Amino acid sequence: MMTDTLYPILIAAGCMAAVILFARGLKRRDIAPVYALPFTAAGLLLAFILGKAFFLLFNSYQLSFAGLFSFVPSEFSFTGCLVGLVLGVALSALAARRPVPSVLDSFALPCCILAAFVRFAEAFAGDLGLAEMATFGLDEISDGSALAFFPFAVRDQWGQWLLALSTLETIGAVIAAILVIRHDTAGKRVLSVPRKGTLIEPALFMLCAFGLFFETAKISGVVFYYVHIEQLLSALVMLGLLIRLCSRLSRAGRRLPWLPAGLFLLCVALNGFSQYFLDKAWRFSGLFSETVFSWLSSHLEQVCYGVMLLTAVCMLVLYHLSFRKDRADTEPRAKAGESDEA
């Protein structure tokens, strides 16, 4: 009963925190703070629609009139909700004839904070954000072990400790929020500033990157024909953000502007192969000596999840370095503006 109550309370607290931070961000950009509430409401509405739509698209057997309006946490796509949230804010700003780039920059921090609340709330929503340690090839958590405490582990209905991946994803959302604060230059005199409307992009990329890595280990992950749907949606959103970034670098005349996109696809392919190898390792026994394959078989989870983690980190580094180049392209304009003021 306690967990059933905590989940909606945390979601409501996240929404309130997002509205307050959104209002402050709008005020810093000379936009009326009163727009924070309707813009957030529009984002939440579209988040509900897209989150539910993406879930039902791959779970059509649950399609019913009651299911369309169900608020069960496990019946939503987190990535779909994330896309709907940002898209709803952008469309409402467009309808209200407010500057969409500035509104999106103002919403970057609230989006991360709301995502952090949602991820943390998953620890109180059954097995939604939980995983078994054996999935990673590690010893199960037992009473008295270093991880046997909340919020890093949660007991299931049988008293067994499970790893709370939702807590790790919460930490990822907080890191994304810190990244936004670090890059947010509204009202500051700086030489290198991000383009308007792009502040939210690295935050979304990081939120999706954490989902990309952790999704395969979750107990309640949605799988469609051996494909983890949340992982696929996260990869598509990340690819879209990277294509936007590479196109800006291309227009700015940067060398090899599309190289990050190509390396990203290579990381995705390596990630997918690691998952396939984890499930069908015996098919590749002929490629290794008996000794090597025996070692791989006994360390299969550690090796495969290690490769998946490495690819996720590489994706984040690729995007961060490319985003820094895009920021650097704004320096001449910032310097020129400062010279004009002088």
Protein backbone atom coordinates (compact mmCIF):
# COMPACT_ATOMS: atom_id res chain seq x y z
CA MET A 1 0.00 0.00 0.00
CA MET A 2 2.85 2.35 0.88
CA THR A 3 4.53 1.89 -2.50
CA ASP A 4 1.22 2.38 -4.30
CA THR A 5 0.90 5.74 -2.57
CA LEU A 6 4.48 6.89 -3.02
CA TYR A 7 4.50 6.51 -6.80
CA PRO A 8 1.80 9.12 -7.58
CA ILE A 9 3.14 11.41 -4.84
CA LEU A 10 6.61 11.40 -6.41
CA ILE A 11 5.18 12.01 -9.89
CA ALA A 12 3.10 14.93 -8.59
CA ALA A 13 6.15 16.35 -6.77
CA GLY A 14 8.18 16.08 -9.97
CA CYS A 15 5.52 17.92 -11.95
CA MET A 16 5.37 20.74 -9.39
CA ALA A 17 9.16 21.06 -9.32
CA ALA A 18 9.21 21.14 -13.13
CA VAL A 19 6.62 23.93 -13.30
CA ILE A 20 8.50 26.05 -10.73
CA LEU A 21 11.86 25.62 -12.48
CA PHE A 22 10.21 26.21 -15.86
CA ALA A 23 8.72 29.49 -14.66
CA ARG A 24 12.14 30.64 -13.41
CA GLY A 25 13.77 29.70 -16.71
CA LEU A 26 11.13 31.57 -18.72
CA LYS A 27 11.56 34.67 -16.56
CA ARG A 28 15.32 34.66 -17.14
CA ARG A 29 14.62 34.73 -20.88
CA ASP A 30 12.10 37.56 -20.66
CA ILE A 31 9.07 35.31 -21.23
CA ALA A 32 6.07 35.55 -18.91
CA PRO A 33 6.42 32.86 -16.20
CA VAL A 34 2.64 32.32 -16.31
CA TYR A 35 3.15 30.21 -19.44
CA ALA A 36 4.98 27.54 -17.43
CA LEU A 37 1.81 25.85 -16.21
CA PRO A 38 -0.12 25.58 -19.52
CA PHE A 39 3.02 24.62 -21.48
CA THR A 40 3.85 21.87 -18.95
CA ALA A 41 0.24 20.67 -18.95
CA ALA A 42 0.32 20.40 -22.75
CA GLY A 43 3.59 18.48 -22.52
CA LEU A 44 2.19 16.06 -19.95
CA LEU A 45 -0.91 15.47 -22.09
CA LEU A 46 1.13 14.61 -25.17
CA ALA A 47 3.50 12.56 -23.00
CA PHE A 48 0.53 10.47 -21.88
CA ILE A 49 -0.68 10.03 -25.46
CA LEU A 50 2.67 9.09 -27.01
CA GLY A 51 3.82 7.03 -24.03
CA LYS A 52 0.62 4.99 -24.15
CA ALA A 53 0.63 4.80 -27.98
CA PHE A 54 4.18 3.43 -28.21
CA PHE A 55 3.41 0.86 -25.51
CA LEU A 56 0.18 -0.34 -27.14
CA LEU A 57 1.81 -0.38 -30.58
CA PHE A 58 3.94 -3.33 -29.47
CA ASN A 59 1.43 -4.76 -26.98
CA SER A 60 -1.72 -4.77 -29.08
CA TYR A 61 -3.15 -7.68 -27.06
CA GLN A 62 -3.66 -5.19 -24.20
CA LEU A 63 -5.56 -2.77 -26.40
CA SER A 64 -8.96 -2.01 -24.87
CA PHE A 65 -11.03 1.03 -23.97
CA ALA A 66 -10.04 0.72 -20.32
CA GLY A 67 -6.39 0.21 -21.29
CA LEU A 68 -6.32 3.48 -23.24
CA PHE A 69 -6.93 5.46 -20.05
CA SER A 70 -5.00 3.24 -17.65
CA PHE A 71 -2.35 4.90 -15.47
CA VAL A 72 -0.51 1.68 -14.65
CA PRO A 73 3.22 2.66 -14.74
CA SER A 74 4.27 -0.46 -16.66
CA GLU A 75 1.85 0.35 -19.49
CA PHE A 76 3.79 3.38 -20.74
CA SER A 77 6.90 3.85 -22.83
CA PHE A 78 9.34 6.13 -20.97
CA THR A 79 10.97 7.25 -24.22
CA GLY A 80 7.56 7.91 -25.76
CA CYS A 81 6.61 10.01 -22.74
CA LEU A 82 9.89 11.91 -22.96
CA VAL A 83 9.42 12.73 -26.64
CA GLY A 84 5.78 13.68 -26.07
CA LEU A 85 6.69 15.94 -23.15
CA VAL A 86 9.20 17.99 -25.14
CA LEU A 87 7.07 18.02 -28.29
CA GLY A 88 4.02 19.15 -26.31
CA VAL A 89 5.92 22.07 -24.79
CA ALA A 90 7.28 23.08 -28.21
CA LEU A 91 3.87 22.91 -29.91
CA SER A 92 2.15 24.86 -27.14
CA ALA A 93 4.83 27.57 -27.33
CA LEU A 94 4.31 27.73 -31.09
CA ALA A 95 0.53 28.03 -30.63
CA ALA A 96 1.02 30.80 -28.07
CA ARG A 97 3.43 32.59 -30.44
CA ARG A 98 6.27 32.46 -27.95
CA PRO A 99 9.90 31.91 -29.10
CA VAL A 100 10.13 28.12 -29.27
CA PRO A 101 13.98 27.91 -28.99
CA SER A 102 14.00 30.02 -25.81
CA VAL A 103 11.08 28.07 -24.35
CA LEU A 104 12.86 24.76 -25.00
CA ASP A 105 16.05 26.09 -23.41
CA SER A 106 13.99 27.08 -20.37
CA PHE A 107 12.45 23.61 -20.22
CA ALA A 108 15.75 21.69 -20.39
CA LEU A 109 16.37 21.68 -16.63
CA PRO A 110 12.71 21.00 -15.63
CA CYS A 111 12.65 18.08 -18.09
CA CYS A 112 15.68 16.47 -16.43
CA ILE A 113 14.29 17.01 -12.93
CA LEU A 114 10.91 15.54 -13.88
CA ALA A 115 12.68 12.56 -15.49
CA ALA A 116 14.65 12.06 -12.25
CA PHE A 117 11.43 11.98 -10.19
CA VAL A 118 9.81 9.54 -12.63
CA ARG A 119 12.81 7.21 -12.62
CA PHE A 120 13.04 7.26 -8.83
CA ALA A 121 9.30 6.58 -8.56
CA GLU A 122 9.78 3.41 -10.61
CA ALA A 123 11.37 1.81 -7.55
CA PHE A 124 7.88 1.87 -6.01
CA ALA A 125 6.10 0.48 -9.10
CA GLY A 126 6.55 -3.26 -8.78
CA ASP A 127 9.47 -4.66 -10.79
CA LEU A 128 9.40 -1.83 -13.36
CA GLY A 129 12.91 -0.55 -12.68
CA LEU A 130 14.47 -3.64 -11.12
CA ALA A 131 16.96 -6.27 -12.28
CA GLU A 132 18.58 -9.42 -10.96
CA MET A 133 22.32 -9.24 -10.32
CA ALA A 134 22.70 -12.59 -12.10
CA THR A 135 21.74 -10.78 -15.32
CA PHE A 136 25.13 -9.06 -15.17
CA GLY A 137 26.89 -12.27 -14.15
CA LEU A 138 27.30 -11.07 -10.56
CA ASP A 139 26.39 -12.64 -7.22
CA GLU A 140 22.87 -11.97 -6.02
CA ILE A 141 22.38 -9.36 -3.31
CA SER A 142 21.94 -10.97 0.12
CA ASP A 143 21.27 -9.61 3.60
CA GLY A 144 24.37 -7.93 4.96
CA SER A 145 25.99 -7.28 1.55
CA ALA A 146 27.17 -3.80 0.59
CA LEU A 147 24.22 -3.14 -1.76
CA ALA A 148 21.48 -4.60 0.44
CA PHE A 149 19.81 -1.31 1.24
CA PHE A 150 17.38 1.12 -0.36
CA PRO A 151 17.60 2.93 -2.76
CA PHE A 152 20.20 0.76 -4.51
CA ALA A 153 18.28 -2.44 -3.90
CA VAL A 154 14.62 -3.29 -3.29
CA ARG A 155 13.03 -6.44 -1.87
CA ASP A 156 10.50 -8.20 -4.07
CA GLN A 157 7.35 -9.88 -2.78
CA TRP A 158 9.34 -13.00 -1.82
CA GLY A 159 11.92 -11.04 0.16
CA GLN A 160 14.69 -11.33 -2.45
CA TRP A 161 16.90 -8.29 -3.00
CA LEU A 162 16.82 -6.88 -6.55
CA LEU A 163 19.09 -4.22 -8.04
CA ALA A 164 17.23 -0.90 -8.40
CA LEU A 165 18.26 0.22 -11.88
CA SER A 166 15.73 3.03 -11.50
CA THR A 167 18.03 4.62 -8.90
CA LEU A 168 20.97 4.50 -11.31
CA GLU A 169 18.79 6.07 -14.01
CA THR A 170 17.76 8.73 -11.49
CA ILE A 171 21.45 9.53 -10.98
CA GLY A 172 21.79 9.75 -14.77
CA ALA A 173 18.92 12.25 -14.94
CA VAL A 174 20.56 14.33 -12.18
CA ILE A 175 23.84 14.30 -14.12
CA ALA A 176 21.92 15.49 -17.20
CA ALA A 177 20.44 18.29 -15.08
CA ILE A 178 23.93 19.32 -13.92
CA LEU A 179 25.05 19.31 -17.56
CA VAL A 180 22.18 21.65 -18.44
CA ILE A 181 23.04 24.02 -15.57
CA ARG A 182 26.67 24.04 -16.70
CA HIS A 183 25.73 24.91 -20.29
CA ASP A 184 22.91 27.33 -19.44
CA THR A 185 24.30 30.80 -20.16
CA ALA A 186 21.08 32.84 -20.07
CA GLY A 187 21.81 36.23 -18.55
CA LYS A 188 25.58 35.61 -18.38
CA ARG A 189 28.38 37.32 -20.31
CA VAL A 190 30.26 34.43 -21.90
CA LEU A 191 32.08 33.96 -25.18
CA SER A 192 31.00 30.40 -25.96
CA VAL A 193 27.26 29.79 -25.83
CA PRO A 194 25.04 26.99 -27.17
CA ARG A 195 22.68 27.83 -30.01
CA LYS A 196 19.18 28.75 -28.90
CA GLY A 197 16.91 25.75 -28.64
CA THR A 198 19.76 23.23 -28.38
CA LEU A 199 20.24 23.22 -24.60
CA ILE A 200 17.73 20.41 -24.17
CA GLU A 201 19.34 18.16 -26.79
CA PRO A 202 22.36 16.86 -24.80
CA ALA A 203 20.06 16.28 -21.83
CA LEU A 204 17.68 14.17 -23.91
CA PHE A 205 20.63 12.28 -25.41
CA MET A 206 21.96 11.40 -21.96
CA LEU A 207 18.55 10.34 -20.64
CA CYS A 208 18.12 8.01 -23.63
CA ALA A 209 21.68 6.68 -23.33
CA PHE A 210 21.04 5.45 -19.79
CA GLY A 211 17.85 3.77 -20.98
CA LEU A 212 19.73 2.23 -23.91
CA PHE A 213 22.14 0.43 -21.58
CA PHE A 214 19.86 -0.56 -18.69
CA GLU A 215 16.78 -1.61 -20.63
CA THR A 216 18.04 -5.07 -21.58
CA ALA A 217 18.60 -6.02 -17.93
CA LYS A 218 15.19 -4.98 -16.59
CA ILE A 219 12.80 -7.69 -15.47
CA SER A 220 9.76 -5.96 -16.97
CA GLY A 221 11.26 -4.80 -20.27
CA VAL A 222 8.98 -4.92 -23.31
CA VAL A 223 10.37 -7.32 -25.94
CA PHE A 224 8.94 -7.59 -29.46
CA TYR A 225 10.46 -10.32 -31.67
CA TYR A 226 13.62 -10.39 -29.51
CA VAL A 227 13.99 -6.58 -29.76
CA HIS A 228 13.86 -4.49 -26.60
CA ILE A 229 11.42 -1.77 -27.63
CA GLU A 230 12.54 0.91 -25.17
CA GLN A 231 16.12 0.36 -26.27
CA LEU A 232 15.16 0.70 -29.93
CA LEU A 233 13.18 3.90 -29.30
CA SER A 234 16.06 5.36 -27.28
CA ALA A 235 18.51 4.60 -30.09
CA LEU A 236 16.21 6.25 -32.66
CA VAL A 237 15.84 9.41 -30.55
CA MET A 238 19.61 9.56 -30.00
CA LEU A 239 20.23 9.11 -33.72
CA GLY A 240 17.77 11.89 -34.56
CA LEU A 241 19.48 14.27 -32.11
CA LEU A 242 22.91 13.38 -33.49
CA ILE A 243 21.75 13.92 -37.08
CA ARG A 244 20.48 17.39 -36.12
CA LEU A 245 23.83 18.17 -34.53
CA CYS A 246 25.87 16.83 -37.46
CA SER A 247 23.78 18.81 -39.93
CA ARG A 248 24.58 22.01 -38.02
CA LEU A 249 28.29 21.12 -38.06
CA SER A 250 28.03 20.47 -41.80
CA ARG A 251 26.45 23.88 -42.46
CA ALA A 252 29.20 25.47 -40.36
CA GLY A 253 31.84 23.92 -42.65
CA ARG A 254 33.35 21.59 -40.06
CA ARG A 255 35.63 18.78 -41.24
CA LEU A 256 34.09 15.30 -41.30
CA PRO A 257 30.79 16.53 -39.81
CA TRP A 258 29.00 13.21 -40.30
CA LEU A 259 31.72 11.05 -38.73
CA PRO A 260 30.01 11.06 -35.27
CA ALA A 261 26.79 9.71 -36.83
CA GLY A 262 28.72 6.90 -38.55
CA LEU A 263 30.55 5.98 -35.34
CA PHE A 264 27.24 6.08 -33.46
CA LEU A 265 25.73 3.52 -35.86
CA LEU A 266 28.84 1.37 -35.38
CA CYS A 267 28.29 1.50 -31.60
CA VAL A 268 24.63 0.55 -32.07
CA ALA A 269 25.63 -2.41 -34.25
CA LEU A 270 28.22 -3.54 -31.68
CA ASN A 271 25.64 -3.18 -28.90
CA GLY A 272 23.13 -5.27 -30.84
CA PHE A 273 25.72 -7.93 -31.64
CA SER A 274 26.66 -8.15 -27.96
CA GLN A 275 23.04 -8.84 -27.06
CA TYR A 276 22.78 -11.48 -29.78
CA PHE A 277 26.06 -13.06 -28.67
CA LEU A 278 24.79 -13.13 -25.09
CA ASP A 279 21.75 -15.12 -26.20
CA LYS A 280 23.32 -17.27 -28.95
CA ALA A 281 26.98 -17.62 -27.97
CA TRP A 282 27.07 -21.27 -29.03
CA ARG A 283 26.68 -20.23 -32.67
CA PHE A 284 30.11 -18.60 -32.60
CA SER A 285 31.99 -21.44 -30.93
CA GLY A 286 33.83 -22.23 -34.17
CA LEU A 287 35.44 -18.76 -34.24
CA PHE A 288 37.40 -19.33 -31.01
CA SER A 289 39.71 -21.92 -29.61
CA GLU A 290 38.25 -24.26 -27.03
CA THR A 291 40.10 -22.49 -24.21
CA VAL A 292 38.98 -19.00 -25.25
CA PHE A 293 35.38 -20.05 -25.81
CA SER A 294 35.32 -21.82 -22.44
CA TRP A 295 36.51 -18.61 -20.76
CA LEU A 296 33.93 -16.54 -22.69
CA SER A 297 31.15 -18.93 -21.70
CA SER A 298 32.01 -18.62 -18.02
CA HIS A 299 32.24 -14.81 -18.21
CA LEU A 300 29.58 -14.25 -20.86
CA GLU A 301 27.41 -11.74 -19.00
CA GLN A 302 30.35 -9.66 -17.76
CA VAL A 303 31.90 -9.48 -21.24
CA CYS A 304 28.69 -8.68 -23.13
CA TYR A 305 27.39 -6.12 -20.65
CA GLY A 306 30.87 -4.63 -20.47
CA VAL A 307 30.83 -4.11 -24.24
CA MET A 308 27.30 -2.64 -24.06
CA LEU A 309 28.41 -0.22 -21.34
CA LEU A 310 31.46 0.74 -23.38
CA THR A 311 29.32 1.48 -26.46
CA ALA A 312 26.93 3.64 -24.39
CA VAL A 313 29.86 5.62 -22.97
CA CYS A 314 31.33 6.05 -26.47
CA MET A 315 27.98 7.39 -27.71
CA LEU A 316 27.92 9.97 -24.90
CA VAL A 317 31.51 11.03 -25.57
CA LEU A 318 30.81 11.33 -29.32
CA TYR A 319 27.82 13.56 -28.73
CA HIS A 320 29.54 15.68 -26.08
CA LEU A 321 32.58 16.36 -28.28
CA SER A 322 30.35 17.20 -31.25
CA PHE A 323 28.19 19.48 -29.10
CA ARG A 324 31.32 21.31 -27.93
CA LYS A 325 32.25 21.93 -31.57
CA ASP A 326 28.77 23.33 -32.20
CA ARG A 327 29.19 25.63 -29.18
CA ALA A 328 32.55 26.78 -30.50
CA ASP A 329 30.87 27.81 -33.76
CA THR A 330 28.93 30.45 -31.81
CA GLU A 331 32.05 32.13 -30.38
CA PRO A 332 32.63 34.60 -33.24
CA ARG A 333 29.05 35.86 -32.96
CA ALA A 334 29.35 36.15 -29.17
CA LYS A 335 32.62 38.08 -29.48
CA ALA A 336 31.14 40.33 -32.13
CA GLY A 337 28.13 41.05 -29.89
CA GLU A 338 30.44 41.91 -26.99
CA SER A 339 32.46 44.25 -29.23
CA ASP A 340 29.29 46.03 -30.30
CA GLU A 341 28.34 46.58 -26.67
CA ALA A 342 31.78 48.03 -25.99
